[in-house]
Amino acid sequence: MGTNMANTIGALGTSLEILEALKERGSAGVTELATELDLPKSTVYSHLRTLREHGYVVQRDERYCIGLKFLSLGEHTRDRMPLYEVAKPEVKGLAEQTGELANLLVEEHGEGVYLFRSKGEQAVSLDTHAGMRVKLHCTSLGKAILAYLPEVRVDEIIERWGLPAQTATTITSREALEEELAAVRERGYAYDKGERLSGLRCIAAPIKNPDGHAIGAVSVSGPTSRMKGERFESEIPEQVMSAANVIELNLTYS
């Protein structure tokens, strides 16, 4: 690799590190970023100036934050995904039928990314939003996807991200996860019993391609007080699997 190419790649990496730091902090000044990233203030300032000139960060007084240009890029990508367009009405239908929060998630770089969510009349307010990334092993959506990925891909994901605990009920061992994924394949849907957020239960079904591999998942989420008994064990699972089946058919034959 030539020196110029290496410098270019290094500079891009620095810009991305700065953007990630801004995302975590919400906003930050040059000195804060330089200290956190162990970079010269002049370097941080140069990168911020370039990012600002291209519309990717915004300066407010002496602080910087990520600009809305990223929103247009993300929406452009999402809107061009056939899965999003086909699944959107089904996710809305799930929210209306159940009165709860319905979600659509895909796997990217070994994490789950929310593409869309729809709120029913009784839906609780959660931290989820389009573009939010979550670990796959601690959500019903993620487990529904993992259960229908090639084993080598599951190995890669776990090797990269591990199985960190989110709550006291999160699955944190590979053996327990394998048992859970086998159960998902047997019944056709996945449970989350407070494994990412305490007090929240979710049910998800995979959206599979013709080869049988998951390309996404749909779910319904609600508080433990409402997600119990027959509703949790059969009614909502049937609704979620039906929605996933319709999405699969429309993707394949439309």
C-alpha atoms as a PDB file:
ATOM      1  CA  MET A   1       0.000   0.000   0.000  1.00  0.00           C
ATOM      2  CA  GLY A   2       1.430   3.398  -0.990  1.00  0.00           C
ATOM      3  CA  THR A   3       2.081   6.118   1.577  1.00  0.00           C
ATOM      4  CA  ASN A   4      -0.631   8.396   0.186  1.00  0.00           C
ATOM      5  CA  MET A   5      -3.215   5.614   0.278  1.00  0.00           C
ATOM      6  CA  ALA A   6      -2.248   4.679   3.845  1.00  0.00           C
ATOM      7  CA  ASN A   7      -2.515   8.322   4.923  1.00  0.00           C
ATOM      8  CA  THR A   8      -5.931   8.619   3.273  1.00  0.00           C
ATOM      9  CA  ILE A   9      -7.239   5.495   5.010  1.00  0.00           C
ATOM     10  CA  GLY A  10      -5.796   6.661   8.320  1.00  0.00           C
ATOM     11  CA  ALA A  11      -7.431  10.070   7.950  1.00  0.00           C
ATOM     12  CA  LEU A  12     -10.784   8.468   7.168  1.00  0.00           C
ATOM     13  CA  GLY A  13     -10.462   6.270  10.237  1.00  0.00           C
ATOM     14  CA  THR A  14      -9.808   9.339  12.387  1.00  0.00           C
ATOM     15  CA  SER A  15     -12.895  11.082  11.026  1.00  0.00           C
ATOM     16  CA  LEU A  16     -15.001   8.025  11.792  1.00  0.00           C
ATOM     17  CA  GLU A  17     -13.605   7.861  15.343  1.00  0.00           C
ATOM     18  CA  ILE A  18     -14.544  11.507  15.834  1.00  0.00           C
ATOM     19  CA  LEU A  19     -18.067  10.880  14.560  1.00  0.00           C
ATOM     20  CA  GLU A  20     -18.493   7.886  16.890  1.00  0.00           C
ATOM     21  CA  ALA A  21     -17.304   9.986  19.825  1.00  0.00           C
ATOM     22  CA  LEU A  22     -19.789  12.724  18.913  1.00  0.00           C
ATOM     23  CA  LYS A  23     -22.548  10.142  18.720  1.00  0.00           C
ATOM     24  CA  GLU A  24     -21.732   8.893  22.222  1.00  0.00           C
ATOM     25  CA  ARG A  25     -21.434  12.360  23.745  1.00  0.00           C
ATOM     26  CA  GLY A  26     -24.213  14.128  21.855  1.00  0.00           C
ATOM     27  CA  SER A  27     -21.962  17.135  21.414  1.00  0.00           C
ATOM     28  CA  ALA A  28     -18.367  17.964  22.269  1.00  0.00           C
ATOM     29  CA  GLY A  29     -15.665  20.566  21.892  1.00  0.00           C
ATOM     30  CA  VAL A  30     -12.298  20.155  20.235  1.00  0.00           C
ATOM     31  CA  THR A  31     -10.421  19.744  23.519  1.00  0.00           C
ATOM     32  CA  GLU A  32     -12.805  17.068  24.811  1.00  0.00           C
ATOM     33  CA  LEU A  33     -12.486  15.047  21.624  1.00  0.00           C
ATOM     34  CA  ALA A  34      -8.721  15.418  21.483  1.00  0.00           C
ATOM     35  CA  THR A  35      -8.417  14.186  25.067  1.00  0.00           C
ATOM     36  CA  GLU A  36     -10.776  11.245  24.594  1.00  0.00           C
ATOM     37  CA  LEU A  37      -9.211  10.106  21.319  1.00  0.00           C
ATOM     38  CA  ASP A  38      -5.624  10.967  22.294  1.00  0.00           C
ATOM     39  CA  LEU A  39      -5.163  13.172  19.242  1.00  0.00           C
ATOM     40  CA  PRO A  40      -3.631  16.635  18.755  1.00  0.00           C
ATOM     41  CA  LYS A  41      -6.238  19.395  18.946  1.00  0.00           C
ATOM     42  CA  SER A  42      -5.109  20.671  15.554  1.00  0.00           C
ATOM     43  CA  THR A  43      -5.872  17.273  13.996  1.00  0.00           C
ATOM     44  CA  VAL A  44      -9.334  17.091  15.575  1.00  0.00           C
ATOM     45  CA  TYR A  45     -10.112  20.638  14.484  1.00  0.00           C
ATOM     46  CA  SER A  46      -9.047  19.932  10.885  1.00  0.00           C
ATOM     47  CA  HIS A  47     -11.282  16.875  10.678  1.00  0.00           C
ATOM     48  CA  LEU A  48     -14.241  18.697  12.242  1.00  0.00           C
ATOM     49  CA  ARG A  49     -13.826  21.598   9.850  1.00  0.00           C
ATOM     50  CA  THR A  50     -13.857  19.241   6.859  1.00  0.00           C
ATOM     51  CA  LEU A  51     -16.877  17.342   8.183  1.00  0.00           C
ATOM     52  CA  ARG A  52     -18.690  20.624   8.820  1.00  0.00           C
ATOM     53  CA  GLU A  53     -17.934  21.950   5.332  1.00  0.00           C
ATOM     54  CA  HIS A  54     -19.484  18.804   3.855  1.00  0.00           C
ATOM     55  CA  GLY A  55     -22.542  18.982   6.113  1.00  0.00           C
ATOM     56  CA  TYR A  56     -21.805  15.985   8.322  1.00  0.00           C
ATOM     57  CA  VAL A  57     -21.334  17.887  11.573  1.00  0.00           C
ATOM     58  CA  VAL A  58     -22.853  21.079  12.904  1.00  0.00           C
ATOM     59  CA  GLN A  59     -21.074  23.666  15.039  1.00  0.00           C
ATOM     60  CA  ARG A  60     -22.977  25.394  17.826  1.00  0.00           C
ATOM     61  CA  ASP A  61     -20.834  27.926  19.630  1.00  0.00           C
ATOM     62  CA  GLU A  62     -17.682  25.977  20.531  1.00  0.00           C
ATOM     63  CA  ARG A  63     -19.302  22.548  20.387  1.00  0.00           C
ATOM     64  CA  TYR A  64     -19.923  20.143  17.541  1.00  0.00           C
ATOM     65  CA  CYS A  65     -22.632  17.550  16.932  1.00  0.00           C
ATOM     66  CA  ILE A  66     -23.555  15.155  14.138  1.00  0.00           C
ATOM     67  CA  GLY A  67     -25.564  16.776  11.349  1.00  0.00           C
ATOM     68  CA  LEU A  68     -28.822  15.646   9.796  1.00  0.00           C
ATOM     69  CA  LYS A  69     -27.134  14.736   6.525  1.00  0.00           C
ATOM     70  CA  PHE A  70     -26.628  11.266   7.938  1.00  0.00           C
ATOM     71  CA  LEU A  71     -30.408  10.965   8.306  1.00  0.00           C
ATOM     72  CA  SER A  72     -30.921  11.480   4.588  1.00  0.00           C
ATOM     73  CA  LEU A  73     -28.239   8.893   3.794  1.00  0.00           C
ATOM     74  CA  GLY A  74     -29.773   6.329   6.126  1.00  0.00           C
ATOM     75  CA  GLU A  75     -33.288   6.890   4.848  1.00  0.00           C
ATOM     76  CA  HIS A  76     -32.061   6.675   1.266  1.00  0.00           C
ATOM     77  CA  THR A  77     -30.494   3.283   1.990  1.00  0.00           C
ATOM     78  CA  ARG A  78     -33.514   1.991   3.886  1.00  0.00           C
ATOM     79  CA  ASP A  79     -36.046   3.173   1.316  1.00  0.00           C
ATOM     80  CA  ARG A  80     -34.223   1.276  -1.424  1.00  0.00           C
ATOM     81  CA  MET A  81     -34.446  -2.017   0.482  1.00  0.00           C
ATOM     82  CA  PRO A  82     -37.228  -4.267  -0.872  1.00  0.00           C
ATOM     83  CA  LEU A  83     -37.625  -5.806   2.598  1.00  0.00           C
ATOM     84  CA  TYR A  84     -38.488  -2.444   4.134  1.00  0.00           C
ATOM     85  CA  GLU A  85     -41.107  -1.581   1.523  1.00  0.00           C
ATOM     86  CA  VAL A  86     -42.754  -5.010   1.678  1.00  0.00           C
ATOM     87  CA  ALA A  87     -42.635  -5.385   5.469  1.00  0.00           C
ATOM     88  CA  LYS A  88     -43.772  -1.889   6.435  1.00  0.00           C
ATOM     89  CA  PRO A  89     -47.546  -2.452   6.010  1.00  0.00           C
ATOM     90  CA  GLU A  90     -47.331  -5.813   7.799  1.00  0.00           C
ATOM     91  CA  VAL A  91     -45.537  -4.245  10.766  1.00  0.00           C
ATOM     92  CA  LYS A  92     -48.196  -1.536  10.930  1.00  0.00           C
ATOM     93  CA  GLY A  93     -50.854  -4.260  10.821  1.00  0.00           C
ATOM     94  CA  LEU A  94     -49.229  -6.093  13.730  1.00  0.00           C
ATOM     95  CA  ALA A  95     -49.242  -2.927  15.811  1.00  0.00           C
ATOM     96  CA  GLU A  96     -52.928  -2.335  15.052  1.00  0.00           C
ATOM     97  CA  GLN A  97     -53.928  -5.951  15.774  1.00  0.00           C
ATOM     98  CA  THR A  98     -52.060  -6.246  19.058  1.00  0.00           C
ATOM     99  CA  GLY A  99     -52.153  -2.663  20.288  1.00  0.00           C
ATOM    100  CA  GLU A 100     -48.458  -3.060  21.118  1.00  0.00           C
ATOM    101  CA  LEU A 101     -45.139  -2.018  19.592  1.00  0.00           C
ATOM    102  CA  ALA A 102     -44.243  -3.862  16.374  1.00  0.00           C
ATOM    103  CA  ASN A 103     -40.709  -3.901  14.945  1.00  0.00           C
ATOM    104  CA  LEU A 104     -38.663  -4.811  11.882  1.00  0.00           C
ATOM    105  CA  LEU A 105     -34.957  -5.631  12.290  1.00  0.00           C
ATOM    106  CA  VAL A 106     -32.128  -6.820  10.048  1.00  0.00           C
ATOM    107  CA  GLU A 107     -28.597  -8.026  10.724  1.00  0.00           C
ATOM    108  CA  GLU A 108     -25.659  -5.907   9.616  1.00  0.00           C
ATOM    109  CA  HIS A 109     -22.017  -6.427  10.635  1.00  0.00           C
ATOM    110  CA  GLY A 110     -23.155  -8.909  13.270  1.00  0.00           C
ATOM    111  CA  GLU A 111     -25.546  -6.535  15.051  1.00  0.00           C
ATOM    112  CA  GLY A 112     -29.273  -5.982  14.777  1.00  0.00           C
ATOM    113  CA  VAL A 113     -30.431  -2.737  13.141  1.00  0.00           C
ATOM    114  CA  TYR A 114     -34.005  -1.533  13.535  1.00  0.00           C
ATOM    115  CA  LEU A 115     -35.457  -0.541  10.155  1.00  0.00           C
ATOM    116  CA  PHE A 116     -38.971   0.356  11.226  1.00  0.00           C
ATOM    117  CA  ARG A 117     -41.356   0.284  14.162  1.00  0.00           C
ATOM    118  CA  SER A 118     -45.050   1.022  14.573  1.00  0.00           C
ATOM    119  CA  LYS A 119     -46.938   1.808  17.776  1.00  0.00           C
ATOM    120  CA  GLY A 120     -50.358   0.394  18.621  1.00  0.00           C
ATOM    121  CA  GLU A 121     -52.829   2.101  20.926  1.00  0.00           C
ATOM    122  CA  GLN A 122     -51.316   0.649  24.111  1.00  0.00           C
ATOM    123  CA  ALA A 123     -47.683   0.587  23.007  1.00  0.00           C
ATOM    124  CA  VAL A 124     -45.053   1.443  25.591  1.00  0.00           C
ATOM    125  CA  SER A 125     -42.355   4.006  24.824  1.00  0.00           C
ATOM    126  CA  LEU A 126     -38.941   2.371  24.468  1.00  0.00           C
ATOM    127  CA  ASP A 127     -35.426   3.418  23.529  1.00  0.00           C
ATOM    128  CA  THR A 128     -35.696   1.764  20.100  1.00  0.00           C
ATOM    129  CA  HIS A 129     -35.758   3.778  16.885  1.00  0.00           C
ATOM    130  CA  ALA A 130     -34.928   3.322  13.223  1.00  0.00           C
ATOM    131  CA  GLY A 131     -31.175   2.936  12.896  1.00  0.00           C
ATOM    132  CA  MET A 132     -30.612   1.791  16.474  1.00  0.00           C
ATOM    133  CA  ARG A 133     -28.190  -1.124  16.777  1.00  0.00           C
ATOM    134  CA  VAL A 134     -28.537  -3.934  19.330  1.00  0.00           C
ATOM    135  CA  LYS A 135     -26.763  -7.188  20.081  1.00  0.00           C
ATOM    136  CA  LEU A 136     -28.577 -10.141  18.539  1.00  0.00           C
ATOM    137  CA  HIS A 137     -28.387 -12.661  21.394  1.00  0.00           C
ATOM    138  CA  CYS A 138     -30.496 -10.609  23.832  1.00  0.00           C
ATOM    139  CA  THR A 139     -33.540  -9.821  21.671  1.00  0.00           C
ATOM    140  CA  SER A 140     -36.269 -12.010  20.216  1.00  0.00           C
ATOM    141  CA  LEU A 141     -35.631 -10.387  16.834  1.00  0.00           C
ATOM    142  CA  GLY A 142     -31.939 -11.189  17.004  1.00  0.00           C
ATOM    143  CA  LYS A 143     -32.462 -14.769  18.134  1.00  0.00           C
ATOM    144  CA  ALA A 144     -35.005 -15.307  15.350  1.00  0.00           C
ATOM    145  CA  ILE A 145     -32.328 -14.227  12.878  1.00  0.00           C
ATOM    146  CA  LEU A 146     -29.459 -16.168  14.481  1.00  0.00           C
ATOM    147  CA  ALA A 147     -31.511 -19.373  14.443  1.00  0.00           C
ATOM    148  CA  TYR A 148     -31.692 -19.252  10.646  1.00  0.00           C
ATOM    149  CA  LEU A 149     -28.194 -18.095   9.759  1.00  0.00           C
ATOM    150  CA  PRO A 150     -25.438 -20.497   8.635  1.00  0.00           C
ATOM    151  CA  GLU A 151     -23.539 -21.826  11.652  1.00  0.00           C
ATOM    152  CA  VAL A 152     -20.275 -20.317  10.441  1.00  0.00           C
ATOM    153  CA  ARG A 153     -21.912 -16.877  10.385  1.00  0.00           C
ATOM    154  CA  VAL A 154     -23.216 -17.334  13.932  1.00  0.00           C
ATOM    155  CA  ASP A 155     -19.674 -18.264  15.002  1.00  0.00           C
ATOM    156  CA  GLU A 156     -18.301 -15.095  13.411  1.00  0.00           C
ATOM    157  CA  ILE A 157     -20.890 -12.912  15.136  1.00  0.00           C
ATOM    158  CA  ILE A 158     -20.272 -14.385  18.575  1.00  0.00           C
ATOM    159  CA  GLU A 159     -16.505 -14.208  18.131  1.00  0.00           C
ATOM    160  CA  ARG A 160     -16.746 -10.515  17.263  1.00  0.00           C
ATOM    161  CA  TRP A 161     -19.343  -9.324  19.773  1.00  0.00           C
ATOM    162  CA  GLY A 162     -19.416 -11.966  22.492  1.00  0.00           C
ATOM    163  CA  LEU A 163     -22.522 -12.598  24.607  1.00  0.00           C
ATOM    164  CA  PRO A 164     -22.569  -9.644  27.034  1.00  0.00           C
ATOM    165  CA  ALA A 165     -25.245  -9.499  29.739  1.00  0.00           C
ATOM    166  CA  GLN A 166     -27.858  -6.769  29.399  1.00  0.00           C
ATOM    167  CA  THR A 167     -30.091  -7.903  32.267  1.00  0.00           C
ATOM    168  CA  ALA A 168     -30.099 -10.735  34.809  1.00  0.00           C
ATOM    169  CA  THR A 169     -31.902 -12.995  32.301  1.00  0.00           C
ATOM    170  CA  THR A 170     -29.658 -12.451  29.264  1.00  0.00           C
ATOM    171  CA  ILE A 171     -28.219 -15.611  27.732  1.00  0.00           C
ATOM    172  CA  THR A 172     -24.447 -15.358  28.157  1.00  0.00           C
ATOM    173  CA  SER A 173     -23.171 -18.871  27.362  1.00  0.00           C
ATOM    174  CA  ARG A 174     -22.771 -20.424  23.929  1.00  0.00           C
ATOM    175  CA  GLU A 175     -24.307 -23.699  25.089  1.00  0.00           C
ATOM    176  CA  ALA A 176     -27.457 -21.983  26.391  1.00  0.00           C
ATOM    177  CA  LEU A 177     -27.716 -19.943  23.215  1.00  0.00           C
ATOM    178  CA  GLU A 178     -27.469 -23.051  21.042  1.00  0.00           C
ATOM    179  CA  GLU A 179     -30.298 -24.657  23.021  1.00  0.00           C
ATOM    180  CA  GLU A 180     -32.379 -21.504  22.628  1.00  0.00           C
ATOM    181  CA  LEU A 181     -31.796 -21.306  18.882  1.00  0.00           C
ATOM    182  CA  ALA A 182     -32.756 -24.962  18.479  1.00  0.00           C
ATOM    183  CA  ALA A 183     -36.013 -24.220  20.322  1.00  0.00           C
ATOM    184  CA  VAL A 184     -36.622 -21.247  18.005  1.00  0.00           C
ATOM    185  CA  ARG A 185     -36.243 -23.477  14.951  1.00  0.00           C
ATOM    186  CA  GLU A 186     -38.578 -26.077  16.444  1.00  0.00           C
ATOM    187  CA  ARG A 187     -41.456 -23.700  17.216  1.00  0.00           C
ATOM    188  CA  GLY A 188     -40.799 -21.102  14.482  1.00  0.00           C
ATOM    189  CA  TYR A 189     -40.528 -18.003  16.673  1.00  0.00           C
ATOM    190  CA  ALA A 190     -38.332 -16.531  19.401  1.00  0.00           C
ATOM    191  CA  TYR A 191     -38.978 -15.142  22.864  1.00  0.00           C
ATOM    192  CA  ASP A 192     -37.314 -12.323  24.774  1.00  0.00           C
ATOM    193  CA  LYS A 193     -38.322 -12.499  28.422  1.00  0.00           C
ATOM    194  CA  GLY A 194     -36.709  -9.352  29.737  1.00  0.00           C
ATOM    195  CA  GLU A 195     -33.301 -10.209  28.288  1.00  0.00           C
ATOM    196  CA  ARG A 196     -32.491  -6.733  26.957  1.00  0.00           C
ATOM    197  CA  LEU A 197     -34.839  -4.589  29.045  1.00  0.00           C
ATOM    198  CA  SER A 198     -36.251  -5.750  32.370  1.00  0.00           C
ATOM    199  CA  GLY A 199     -40.046  -5.821  32.429  1.00  0.00           C
ATOM    200  CA  LEU A 200     -40.352  -6.108  28.649  1.00  0.00           C
ATOM    201  CA  ARG A 201     -41.342  -9.218  26.711  1.00  0.00           C
ATOM    202  CA  CYS A 202     -41.107  -9.719  22.969  1.00  0.00           C
ATOM    203  CA  ILE A 203     -42.005 -12.344  20.388  1.00  0.00           C
ATOM    204  CA  ALA A 204     -40.343 -12.432  16.961  1.00  0.00           C
ATOM    205  CA  ALA A 205     -40.498 -14.526  13.806  1.00  0.00           C
ATOM    206  CA  PRO A 206     -37.787 -14.737  11.138  1.00  0.00           C
ATOM    207  CA  ILE A 207     -38.240 -13.493   7.602  1.00  0.00           C
ATOM    208  CA  LYS A 208     -36.480 -16.059   5.429  1.00  0.00           C
ATOM    209  CA  ASN A 209     -35.299 -16.119   1.836  1.00  0.00           C
ATOM    210  CA  PRO A 210     -36.011 -19.091  -0.468  1.00  0.00           C
ATOM    211  CA  ASP A 211     -32.836 -20.781   0.825  1.00  0.00           C
ATOM    212  CA  GLY A 212     -34.224 -20.753   4.356  1.00  0.00           C
ATOM    213  CA  HIS A 213     -31.782 -18.178   5.722  1.00  0.00           C
ATOM    214  CA  ALA A 214     -33.040 -15.218   7.733  1.00  0.00           C
ATOM    215  CA  ILE A 215     -32.872 -11.807   6.090  1.00  0.00           C
ATOM    216  CA  GLY A 216     -34.713 -10.053   8.909  1.00  0.00           C
ATOM    217  CA  ALA A 217     -37.333 -10.517  11.597  1.00  0.00           C
ATOM    218  CA  VAL A 218     -40.568  -8.952  12.845  1.00  0.00           C
ATOM    219  CA  SER A 219     -41.675  -8.743  16.462  1.00  0.00           C
ATOM    220  CA  VAL A 220     -44.235  -7.488  18.930  1.00  0.00           C
ATOM    221  CA  SER A 221     -43.060  -6.009  22.242  1.00  0.00           C
ATOM    222  CA  GLY A 222     -45.005  -5.208  25.380  1.00  0.00           C
ATOM    223  CA  PRO A 223     -44.825  -5.052  29.170  1.00  0.00           C
ATOM    224  CA  THR A 224     -44.748  -8.282  31.134  1.00  0.00           C
ATOM    225  CA  SER A 225     -48.106  -7.375  32.674  1.00  0.00           C
ATOM    226  CA  ARG A 226     -49.795  -7.767  29.278  1.00  0.00           C
ATOM    227  CA  MET A 227     -47.499 -10.291  27.592  1.00  0.00           C
ATOM    228  CA  LYS A 228     -48.509 -13.430  29.477  1.00  0.00           C
ATOM    229  CA  GLY A 229     -50.753 -16.474  29.358  1.00  0.00           C
ATOM    230  CA  GLU A 230     -52.392 -17.538  26.115  1.00  0.00           C
ATOM    231  CA  ARG A 231     -51.766 -14.142  24.567  1.00  0.00           C
ATOM    232  CA  PHE A 232     -48.010 -14.537  24.979  1.00  0.00           C
ATOM    233  CA  GLU A 233     -47.852 -18.270  24.316  1.00  0.00           C
ATOM    234  CA  SER A 234     -50.075 -18.629  21.252  1.00  0.00           C
ATOM    235  CA  GLU A 235     -52.073 -15.585  20.137  1.00  0.00           C
ATOM    236  CA  ILE A 236     -49.255 -13.143  19.414  1.00  0.00           C
ATOM    237  CA  PRO A 237     -46.850 -15.829  18.137  1.00  0.00           C
ATOM    238  CA  GLU A 238     -49.430 -16.807  15.511  1.00  0.00           C
ATOM    239  CA  GLN A 239     -49.907 -13.170  14.482  1.00  0.00           C
ATOM    240  CA  VAL A 240     -46.157 -12.572  14.231  1.00  0.00           C
ATOM    241  CA  MET A 241     -45.548 -15.742  12.215  1.00  0.00           C
ATOM    242  CA  SER A 242     -48.420 -14.875   9.897  1.00  0.00           C
ATOM    243  CA  ALA A 243     -46.952 -11.431   9.230  1.00  0.00           C
ATOM    244  CA  ALA A 244     -43.514 -12.928   8.543  1.00  0.00           C
ATOM    245  CA  ASN A 245     -45.056 -15.459   6.153  1.00  0.00           C
ATOM    246  CA  VAL A 246     -46.877 -12.733   4.190  1.00  0.00           C
ATOM    247  CA  ILE A 247     -43.658 -10.723   3.924  1.00  0.00           C
ATOM    248  CA  GLU A 248     -41.759 -13.772   2.655  1.00  0.00           C
ATOM    249  CA  LEU A 249     -44.382 -14.499   0.008  1.00  0.00           C
ATOM    250  CA  ASN A 250     -44.562 -10.901  -1.171  1.00  0.00           C
ATOM    251  CA  LEU A 251     -40.774 -10.652  -1.381  1.00  0.00           C
ATOM    252  CA  THR A 252     -40.548 -13.876  -3.369  1.00  0.00           C
ATOM    253  CA  TYR A 253     -43.444 -13.489  -5.795  1.00  0.00           C
ATOM    254  CA  SER A 254     -44.267  -9.794  -6.132  1.00  0.00           C
END
